[in-house]
């Protein structure tokens, strides 16, 4: 992965602002992934989340907690759909390497530390993502790469 991909994470605009619902997206390859997740965030905020505010107010009155919840719901929805509605895989980084490099494999000190968590219920996957949301949205977390790996493993390499 390039430096741009390695630095990419899910970062919202300022809470309680006109763009509180919006993810910040730089230029380049990560933008496509961020925009796909953004579509699910907006869908959740406008049509699923239970609130007394009007549609536009629903988008603008988000605090940090609501931003994290919207991101967790969006990521879980996408992973669940990728898994065919029967499973979701969430990838997180561990502190120590879990795989020894094979001959011909170039270690990148990132992939070796990925751990897979499998869920057979969407609600459990969403709760797990919500509990570990900082793994996707904090600077230096490689959040977009983790989500991309989660997406690939949820969909399976065969499919």
N, C-alpha and C. Protein backbone atom coordinates (compact mmCIF):
# COMPACT_ATOMS: atom_id res chain seq x y z
N UNK A 1 0.83 -1.19 0.00
CA UNK A 1 0.00 0.00 0.00
C UNK A 1 0.88 1.25 0.00
N UNK A 2 0.40 2.26 -0.68
CA UNK A 2 1.12 3.53 -0.73
C UNK A 2 0.99 4.25 0.61
N UNK A 3 1.75 5.32 0.76
CA UNK A 3 1.67 6.14 1.98
C UNK A 3 0.26 6.69 2.17
N UNK A 4 -0.37 7.06 1.06
CA UNK A 4 -1.74 7.60 1.12
C UNK A 4 -2.70 6.57 1.72
N UNK A 5 -2.61 5.33 1.26
CA UNK A 5 -3.47 4.27 1.79
C UNK A 5 -3.14 3.99 3.25
N UNK A 6 -1.87 3.94 3.59
CA UNK A 6 -1.47 3.64 4.96
C UNK A 6 -1.97 4.70 5.93
N UNK A 7 -2.06 5.93 5.49
CA UNK A 7 -2.50 7.03 6.36
C UNK A 7 -4.02 7.18 6.40
N UNK A 8 -4.73 6.55 5.49
CA UNK A 8 -6.18 6.75 5.37
C UNK A 8 -6.94 6.10 6.52
N UNK A 9 -7.88 6.86 7.07
CA UNK A 9 -8.78 6.37 8.09
C UNK A 9 -10.11 7.09 7.92
N UNK A 10 -11.13 6.65 8.63
CA UNK A 10 -12.44 7.26 8.52
C UNK A 10 -12.51 8.44 9.47
N UNK A 11 -12.50 9.64 8.90
CA UNK A 11 -12.47 10.87 9.69
C UNK A 11 -13.67 11.73 9.29
N UNK A 12 -14.48 12.06 10.28
CA UNK A 12 -15.65 12.91 10.04
C UNK A 12 -15.25 14.38 10.11
N UNK A 13 -16.12 15.21 9.56
CA UNK A 13 -15.99 16.66 9.73
C UNK A 13 -16.33 17.00 11.18
N UNK A 14 -16.22 18.27 11.55
CA UNK A 14 -16.48 18.73 12.91
C UNK A 14 -17.87 18.31 13.38
N UNK A 15 -17.98 17.76 14.61
CA UNK A 15 -19.30 17.44 15.15
C UNK A 15 -20.16 18.70 15.30
N UNK A 16 -21.46 18.53 15.24
CA UNK A 16 -22.44 19.62 15.41
C UNK A 16 -22.23 20.76 14.41
N UNK A 17 -21.77 20.43 13.21
CA UNK A 17 -21.59 21.43 12.16
C UNK A 17 -22.50 21.08 10.98
N UNK A 18 -22.53 21.94 10.00
CA UNK A 18 -23.36 21.69 8.81
C UNK A 18 -22.94 20.43 8.08
N UNK A 19 -21.69 20.01 8.22
CA UNK A 19 -21.19 18.82 7.54
C UNK A 19 -20.78 17.73 8.53
N UNK A 20 -21.44 17.68 9.67
CA UNK A 20 -21.08 16.70 10.71
C UNK A 20 -21.24 15.27 10.23
N UNK A 21 -22.06 15.04 9.24
CA UNK A 21 -22.32 13.70 8.71
C UNK A 21 -21.27 13.26 7.69
N UNK A 22 -20.42 14.16 7.24
CA UNK A 22 -19.54 13.92 6.10
C UNK A 22 -18.17 13.40 6.51
N UNK A 23 -17.71 12.38 5.79
CA UNK A 23 -16.35 11.90 5.95
C UNK A 23 -15.42 12.80 5.15
N UNK A 24 -14.23 13.03 5.66
CA UNK A 24 -13.22 13.76 4.92
C UNK A 24 -12.51 12.79 4.00
N UNK A 25 -12.38 13.16 2.74
CA UNK A 25 -11.75 12.28 1.76
C UNK A 25 -10.71 13.05 0.98
N UNK A 26 -9.48 12.55 1.02
CA UNK A 26 -8.42 13.16 0.23
C UNK A 26 -8.51 12.69 -1.21
N UNK A 27 -7.54 13.08 -1.98
CA UNK A 27 -7.49 12.65 -3.37
C UNK A 27 -6.89 11.26 -3.45
N UNK A 28 -7.25 10.54 -4.50
CA UNK A 28 -6.62 9.25 -4.73
C UNK A 28 -7.55 8.07 -4.52
N UNK A 29 -6.93 6.91 -4.43
CA UNK A 29 -7.63 5.63 -4.42
C UNK A 29 -8.54 5.38 -3.24
N UNK A 30 -8.23 5.97 -2.09
CA UNK A 30 -9.06 5.71 -0.92
C UNK A 30 -10.41 6.40 -1.01
N UNK A 31 -10.52 7.39 -1.83
CA UNK A 31 -11.75 8.16 -1.95
C UNK A 31 -12.94 7.28 -2.33
N UNK A 32 -12.73 6.31 -3.22
CA UNK A 32 -13.83 5.44 -3.66
C UNK A 32 -14.37 4.63 -2.49
N UNK A 33 -13.50 4.11 -1.64
CA UNK A 33 -13.93 3.34 -0.48
C UNK A 33 -14.68 4.25 0.49
N UNK A 34 -14.12 5.42 0.75
CA UNK A 34 -14.75 6.36 1.68
C UNK A 34 -16.14 6.79 1.20
N UNK A 35 -16.29 7.01 -0.09
CA UNK A 35 -17.58 7.46 -0.61
C UNK A 35 -18.63 6.35 -0.57
N UNK A 36 -18.23 5.11 -0.75
CA UNK A 36 -19.17 3.99 -0.62
C UNK A 36 -19.67 3.90 0.83
N UNK A 37 -18.78 4.06 1.78
CA UNK A 37 -19.16 4.05 3.19
C UNK A 37 -20.02 5.27 3.50
N UNK A 38 -19.68 6.42 2.91
CA UNK A 38 -20.44 7.65 3.13
C UNK A 38 -21.91 7.47 2.73
N UNK A 39 -22.14 6.79 1.63
CA UNK A 39 -23.52 6.55 1.17
C UNK A 39 -24.31 5.76 2.22
N UNK A 40 -23.69 4.78 2.84
CA UNK A 40 -24.37 4.00 3.88
C UNK A 40 -24.58 4.81 5.15
N UNK A 41 -23.65 5.69 5.46
CA UNK A 41 -23.80 6.56 6.63
C UNK A 41 -25.01 7.47 6.44
N UNK A 42 -25.13 8.09 5.29
CA UNK A 42 -26.25 9.00 5.04
C UNK A 42 -27.57 8.23 5.05
N UNK A 43 -27.58 7.05 4.46
CA UNK A 43 -28.80 6.23 4.47
C UNK A 43 -29.23 5.93 5.90
N UNK A 44 -28.28 5.54 6.73
CA UNK A 44 -28.60 5.25 8.13
C UNK A 44 -29.11 6.50 8.85
N UNK A 45 -28.43 7.61 8.67
CA UNK A 45 -28.81 8.83 9.38
C UNK A 45 -30.17 9.36 8.96
N UNK A 46 -30.50 9.24 7.69
CA UNK A 46 -31.76 9.79 7.19
C UNK A 46 -32.95 8.85 7.38
N UNK A 47 -32.73 7.54 7.20
CA UNK A 47 -33.87 6.64 7.11
C UNK A 47 -33.95 5.57 8.20
N UNK A 48 -32.88 5.33 8.93
CA UNK A 48 -32.89 4.25 9.90
C UNK A 48 -32.84 4.75 11.33
N UNK A 49 -31.97 5.68 11.58
CA UNK A 49 -31.78 6.17 12.96
C UNK A 49 -33.06 6.81 13.47
N UNK A 50 -33.41 6.48 14.70
CA UNK A 50 -34.63 7.01 15.32
C UNK A 50 -34.29 8.30 16.04
N UNK A 51 -34.85 9.39 15.56
CA UNK A 51 -34.63 10.69 16.17
C UNK A 51 -35.84 11.58 15.88
N UNK A 52 -36.03 12.59 16.71
CA UNK A 52 -37.16 13.49 16.52
C UNK A 52 -36.87 14.62 15.53
N UNK A 53 -35.63 14.75 15.09
CA UNK A 53 -35.25 15.85 14.20
C UNK A 53 -35.71 15.59 12.77
N UNK A 54 -35.85 16.66 12.00
CA UNK A 54 -36.18 16.54 10.58
C UNK A 54 -34.98 15.97 9.85
N UNK A 55 -35.17 15.61 8.60
CA UNK A 55 -34.10 14.97 7.83
C UNK A 55 -32.81 15.78 7.81
N UNK A 56 -32.90 17.07 7.51
CA UNK A 56 -31.68 17.88 7.44
C UNK A 56 -31.05 18.04 8.82
N UNK A 57 -31.87 18.22 9.84
CA UNK A 57 -31.34 18.34 11.20
C UNK A 57 -30.67 17.05 11.65
N UNK A 58 -31.17 15.91 11.15
CA UNK A 58 -30.57 14.62 11.51
C UNK A 58 -29.11 14.58 11.08
N UNK A 59 -28.82 15.19 9.96
CA UNK A 59 -27.45 15.16 9.43
C UNK A 59 -26.54 16.14 10.15
N UNK A 60 -27.06 17.27 10.56
CA UNK A 60 -26.22 18.34 11.10
C UNK A 60 -26.05 18.30 12.61
N UNK A 61 -26.85 17.56 13.32
CA UNK A 61 -26.80 17.58 14.78
C UNK A 61 -26.04 16.39 15.36
N UNK A 62 -25.08 15.92 14.64
CA UNK A 62 -24.31 14.76 15.10
C UNK A 62 -23.16 15.16 16.00
N UNK A 63 -23.04 14.44 17.10
CA UNK A 63 -21.88 14.58 17.96
C UNK A 63 -20.90 13.47 17.63
N UNK A 64 -19.79 13.44 18.32
CA UNK A 64 -18.76 12.41 18.07
C UNK A 64 -19.31 11.00 18.28
N UNK A 65 -20.09 10.81 19.33
CA UNK A 65 -20.65 9.49 19.61
C UNK A 65 -21.56 9.03 18.48
N UNK A 66 -22.42 9.92 17.99
CA UNK A 66 -23.33 9.58 16.90
C UNK A 66 -22.56 9.34 15.60
N UNK A 67 -21.49 10.08 15.39
CA UNK A 67 -20.66 9.84 14.21
C UNK A 67 -20.07 8.43 14.25
N UNK A 68 -19.54 8.05 15.41
CA UNK A 68 -18.97 6.72 15.56
C UNK A 68 -20.01 5.63 15.37
N UNK A 69 -21.21 5.84 15.91
CA UNK A 69 -22.28 4.86 15.76
C UNK A 69 -22.70 4.73 14.30
N UNK A 70 -22.82 5.85 13.60
CA UNK A 70 -23.19 5.82 12.18
C UNK A 70 -22.13 5.08 11.36
N UNK A 71 -20.87 5.30 11.68
CA UNK A 71 -19.79 4.60 10.97
C UNK A 71 -19.85 3.10 11.26
N UNK A 72 -20.07 2.72 12.51
CA UNK A 72 -20.14 1.30 12.87
C UNK A 72 -21.29 0.61 12.14
N UNK A 73 -22.44 1.27 12.09
CA UNK A 73 -23.59 0.69 11.38
C UNK A 73 -23.27 0.53 9.90
N UNK A 74 -22.69 1.57 9.30
CA UNK A 74 -22.37 1.52 7.87
C UNK A 74 -21.38 0.40 7.55
N UNK A 75 -20.31 0.30 8.33
CA UNK A 75 -19.31 -0.74 8.09
C UNK A 75 -19.92 -2.14 8.25
N UNK A 76 -20.72 -2.32 9.30
CA UNK A 76 -21.34 -3.62 9.53
C UNK A 76 -22.30 -3.98 8.40
N UNK A 77 -23.09 -3.02 7.94
CA UNK A 77 -24.03 -3.26 6.83
C UNK A 77 -23.29 -3.72 5.57
N UNK A 78 -22.22 -3.03 5.25
CA UNK A 78 -21.46 -3.36 4.03
C UNK A 78 -20.82 -4.74 4.17
N UNK A 79 -20.21 -5.02 5.31
CA UNK A 79 -19.56 -6.32 5.50
C UNK A 79 -20.58 -7.45 5.51
N UNK A 80 -21.73 -7.22 6.10
CA UNK A 80 -22.77 -8.23 6.14
C UNK A 80 -23.28 -8.53 4.73
N UNK A 81 -23.47 -7.50 3.94
CA UNK A 81 -23.92 -7.69 2.55
C UNK A 81 -22.84 -8.42 1.74
N UNK A 82 -21.59 -8.07 1.96
CA UNK A 82 -20.50 -8.73 1.24
C UNK A 82 -20.42 -10.20 1.59
N UNK A 83 -20.76 -10.55 2.82
CA UNK A 83 -20.74 -11.94 3.26
C UNK A 83 -21.98 -12.72 2.86
N UNK A 84 -22.82 -12.12 2.05
CA UNK A 84 -24.01 -12.81 1.57
C UNK A 84 -25.12 -12.90 2.60
N UNK A 85 -25.06 -12.09 3.64
CA UNK A 85 -26.10 -12.10 4.65
C UNK A 85 -25.98 -13.23 5.66
N UNK A 86 -24.86 -13.93 5.64
CA UNK A 86 -24.69 -15.04 6.57
C UNK A 86 -23.49 -14.92 7.47
N UNK A 87 -22.61 -13.96 7.15
CA UNK A 87 -21.43 -13.78 7.98
C UNK A 87 -20.75 -12.47 7.66
N UNK A 88 -19.91 -12.05 8.57
CA UNK A 88 -19.07 -10.87 8.38
C UNK A 88 -17.73 -11.15 9.06
N UNK A 89 -16.67 -10.72 8.42
CA UNK A 89 -15.32 -10.84 8.99
C UNK A 89 -14.81 -9.42 9.24
N UNK A 90 -14.32 -9.20 10.45
CA UNK A 90 -13.74 -7.91 10.80
C UNK A 90 -12.26 -8.13 11.07
N UNK A 91 -11.42 -7.34 10.41
CA UNK A 91 -9.96 -7.42 10.60
C UNK A 91 -9.50 -6.28 11.51
N UNK A 92 -8.70 -6.63 12.50
CA UNK A 92 -8.07 -5.65 13.37
C UNK A 92 -6.59 -5.95 13.45
N UNK A 93 -5.82 -4.98 13.90
CA UNK A 93 -4.37 -5.16 14.04
C UNK A 93 -4.05 -5.56 15.46
N UNK A 94 -3.21 -6.59 15.60
CA UNK A 94 -2.72 -6.99 16.91
C UNK A 94 -1.38 -6.33 17.15
N UNK A 95 -0.87 -6.43 18.36
CA UNK A 95 0.41 -5.79 18.66
C UNK A 95 1.59 -6.61 18.18
N UNK A 96 1.44 -7.92 18.17
CA UNK A 96 2.55 -8.78 17.74
C UNK A 96 2.21 -9.47 16.43
N UNK A 97 3.23 -9.81 15.66
CA UNK A 97 3.00 -10.52 14.41
C UNK A 97 2.38 -11.89 14.66
N UNK A 98 1.42 -12.27 13.84
CA UNK A 98 0.74 -13.56 14.02
C UNK A 98 1.13 -14.56 12.95
N UNK A 99 1.84 -14.12 11.91
CA UNK A 99 2.20 -15.01 10.80
C UNK A 99 3.68 -14.85 10.51
N UNK A 100 4.35 -15.96 10.31
CA UNK A 100 5.75 -15.90 9.89
C UNK A 100 5.78 -15.81 8.37
N UNK A 101 6.56 -14.88 7.83
CA UNK A 101 6.62 -14.71 6.37
C UNK A 101 7.14 -15.97 5.68
N UNK A 102 6.51 -16.30 4.56
CA UNK A 102 6.94 -17.43 3.73
C UNK A 102 7.99 -16.96 2.74
N UNK A 103 8.68 -17.90 2.15
CA UNK A 103 9.66 -17.57 1.12
C UNK A 103 8.96 -16.86 -0.03
N UNK A 104 9.53 -15.77 -0.47
CA UNK A 104 8.93 -15.00 -1.57
C UNK A 104 7.93 -13.96 -1.10
N UNK A 105 7.64 -13.93 0.18
CA UNK A 105 6.70 -12.95 0.74
C UNK A 105 7.50 -11.81 1.35
N UNK A 106 7.14 -10.60 1.00
CA UNK A 106 7.81 -9.43 1.56
C UNK A 106 7.00 -8.89 2.73
N UNK A 107 7.54 -8.96 3.91
CA UNK A 107 6.85 -8.49 5.12
C UNK A 107 6.65 -6.98 5.04
N UNK A 108 5.48 -6.53 5.49
CA UNK A 108 5.21 -5.09 5.49
C UNK A 108 4.91 -4.56 6.90
N UNK A 109 5.08 -5.38 7.93
CA UNK A 109 4.85 -5.07 9.34
C UNK A 109 3.41 -4.63 9.62
N UNK A 110 2.53 -4.83 8.69
CA UNK A 110 1.11 -4.53 8.88
C UNK A 110 0.28 -5.79 8.69
N UNK A 111 0.40 -6.39 7.53
CA UNK A 111 -0.39 -7.57 7.19
C UNK A 111 -0.12 -8.71 8.17
N UNK A 112 1.10 -8.83 8.63
CA UNK A 112 1.46 -9.91 9.56
C UNK A 112 0.74 -9.78 10.91
N UNK A 113 0.26 -8.60 11.22
CA UNK A 113 -0.37 -8.36 12.52
C UNK A 113 -1.90 -8.38 12.47
N UNK A 114 -2.48 -8.69 11.33
CA UNK A 114 -3.94 -8.69 11.21
C UNK A 114 -4.54 -9.94 11.85
N UNK A 115 -5.60 -9.71 12.59
CA UNK A 115 -6.34 -10.81 13.21
C UNK A 115 -7.78 -10.74 12.71
N UNK A 116 -8.36 -11.90 12.39
CA UNK A 116 -9.72 -11.97 11.84
C UNK A 116 -10.71 -12.34 12.94
N UNK A 117 -11.85 -11.65 12.93
CA UNK A 117 -12.94 -11.96 13.85
C UNK A 117 -14.17 -12.23 12.99
N UNK A 118 -14.75 -13.43 13.15
CA UNK A 118 -15.88 -13.84 12.32
C UNK A 118 -17.18 -13.76 13.12
N UNK A 119 -18.23 -13.27 12.45
CA UNK A 119 -19.54 -13.13 13.09
C UNK A 119 -20.61 -13.75 12.21
N UNK A 120 -21.52 -14.47 12.85
CA UNK A 120 -22.63 -15.09 12.12
C UNK A 120 -23.94 -14.33 12.33
N UNK A 121 -23.87 -13.23 13.09
CA UNK A 121 -25.03 -12.36 13.29
C UNK A 121 -24.60 -10.92 13.04
N UNK A 122 -25.41 -10.21 12.26
CA UNK A 122 -25.08 -8.83 11.92
C UNK A 122 -25.01 -7.94 13.16
N UNK A 123 -25.92 -8.12 14.11
CA UNK A 123 -25.93 -7.31 15.32
C UNK A 123 -24.63 -7.48 16.12
N UNK A 124 -24.12 -8.70 16.18
CA UNK A 124 -22.87 -8.96 16.90
C UNK A 124 -21.69 -8.28 16.20
N UNK A 125 -21.68 -8.34 14.88
CA UNK A 125 -20.62 -7.67 14.11
C UNK A 125 -20.67 -6.17 14.33
N UNK A 126 -21.87 -5.60 14.31
CA UNK A 126 -22.04 -4.17 14.51
C UNK A 126 -21.60 -3.75 15.91
N UNK A 127 -21.95 -4.53 16.90
CA UNK A 127 -21.54 -4.22 18.27
C UNK A 127 -20.02 -4.29 18.42
N UNK A 128 -19.40 -5.31 17.81
CA UNK A 128 -17.94 -5.45 17.86
C UNK A 128 -17.26 -4.26 17.19
N UNK A 129 -17.75 -3.88 16.02
CA UNK A 129 -17.18 -2.73 15.31
C UNK A 129 -17.35 -1.47 16.14
N UNK A 130 -18.53 -1.30 16.73
CA UNK A 130 -18.78 -0.14 17.57
C UNK A 130 -17.82 -0.09 18.76
N UNK A 131 -17.57 -1.24 19.37
CA UNK A 131 -16.64 -1.31 20.50
C UNK A 131 -15.20 -1.01 20.08
N UNK A 132 -14.87 -1.27 18.81
CA UNK A 132 -13.51 -1.07 18.30
C UNK A 132 -13.47 0.00 17.21
N UNK A 133 -14.37 0.96 17.27
CA UNK A 133 -14.49 1.95 16.20
C UNK A 133 -13.22 2.78 16.04
N UNK A 134 -12.48 2.98 17.11
CA UNK A 134 -11.23 3.75 17.01
C UNK A 134 -10.20 3.07 16.13
N UNK A 135 -10.31 1.75 15.96
CA UNK A 135 -9.41 1.02 15.07
C UNK A 135 -9.63 1.41 13.61
N UNK A 136 -10.76 2.04 13.33
CA UNK A 136 -11.07 2.45 11.96
C UNK A 136 -11.00 3.96 11.78
N UNK A 137 -11.16 4.73 12.86
CA UNK A 137 -11.26 6.17 12.67
C UNK A 137 -10.14 7.02 13.28
N UNK A 138 -9.21 6.40 13.98
CA UNK A 138 -8.13 7.19 14.56
C UNK A 138 -6.95 7.31 13.60
N UNK A 139 -6.29 8.42 13.68
CA UNK A 139 -5.11 8.65 12.85
C UNK A 139 -4.06 7.59 13.15
N UNK A 140 -3.46 7.04 12.11
CA UNK A 140 -2.46 6.00 12.26
C UNK A 140 -3.03 4.60 12.42
N UNK A 141 -4.35 4.47 12.32
CA UNK A 141 -5.00 3.17 12.53
C UNK A 141 -5.05 2.30 11.28
N UNK A 142 -4.74 2.87 10.12
CA UNK A 142 -4.87 2.15 8.85
C UNK A 142 -6.32 1.71 8.64
N UNK A 143 -7.27 2.51 9.10
CA UNK A 143 -8.68 2.14 9.11
C UNK A 143 -9.26 1.74 7.77
N UNK A 144 -8.89 2.43 6.70
CA UNK A 144 -9.45 2.10 5.38
C UNK A 144 -8.89 0.76 4.89
N UNK A 145 -7.62 0.50 5.14
CA UNK A 145 -7.03 -0.79 4.75
C UNK A 145 -7.68 -1.92 5.56
N UNK A 146 -7.87 -1.71 6.85
CA UNK A 146 -8.53 -2.73 7.67
C UNK A 146 -9.93 -3.03 7.14
N UNK A 147 -10.65 -1.99 6.76
CA UNK A 147 -11.99 -2.21 6.22
C UNK A 147 -11.93 -2.94 4.89
N UNK A 148 -10.98 -2.58 4.04
CA UNK A 148 -10.83 -3.26 2.75
C UNK A 148 -10.51 -4.73 2.95
N UNK A 149 -9.60 -5.05 3.85
CA UNK A 149 -9.31 -6.46 4.16
C UNK A 149 -10.56 -7.16 4.71
N UNK A 150 -11.28 -6.50 5.60
CA UNK A 150 -12.51 -7.07 6.15
C UNK A 150 -13.51 -7.37 5.05
N UNK A 151 -13.61 -6.46 4.11
CA UNK A 151 -14.52 -6.63 2.98
C UNK A 151 -14.13 -7.82 2.12
N UNK A 152 -12.84 -7.94 1.83
CA UNK A 152 -12.36 -9.08 1.02
C UNK A 152 -12.58 -10.41 1.73
N UNK A 153 -12.29 -10.47 3.02
CA UNK A 153 -12.48 -11.72 3.75
C UNK A 153 -13.96 -12.03 3.95
N UNK A 154 -14.79 -11.03 4.12
CA UNK A 154 -16.24 -11.27 4.26
C UNK A 154 -16.82 -11.81 2.97
N UNK A 155 -16.38 -11.27 1.86
CA UNK A 155 -16.87 -11.70 0.55
C UNK A 155 -16.29 -13.06 0.18
N UNK A 156 -15.14 -13.37 0.65
CA UNK A 156 -14.29 -14.55 0.39
C UNK A 156 -13.54 -14.36 -0.92
N UNK A 157 -12.35 -14.90 -0.96
CA UNK A 157 -11.50 -14.77 -2.13
C UNK A 157 -12.07 -15.57 -3.31
N UNK A 158 -12.79 -16.64 -3.03
CA UNK A 158 -13.38 -17.44 -4.12
C UNK A 158 -14.48 -16.65 -4.84
N UNK A 159 -15.28 -15.88 -4.08
CA UNK A 159 -16.36 -15.13 -4.69
C UNK A 159 -15.89 -13.79 -5.20
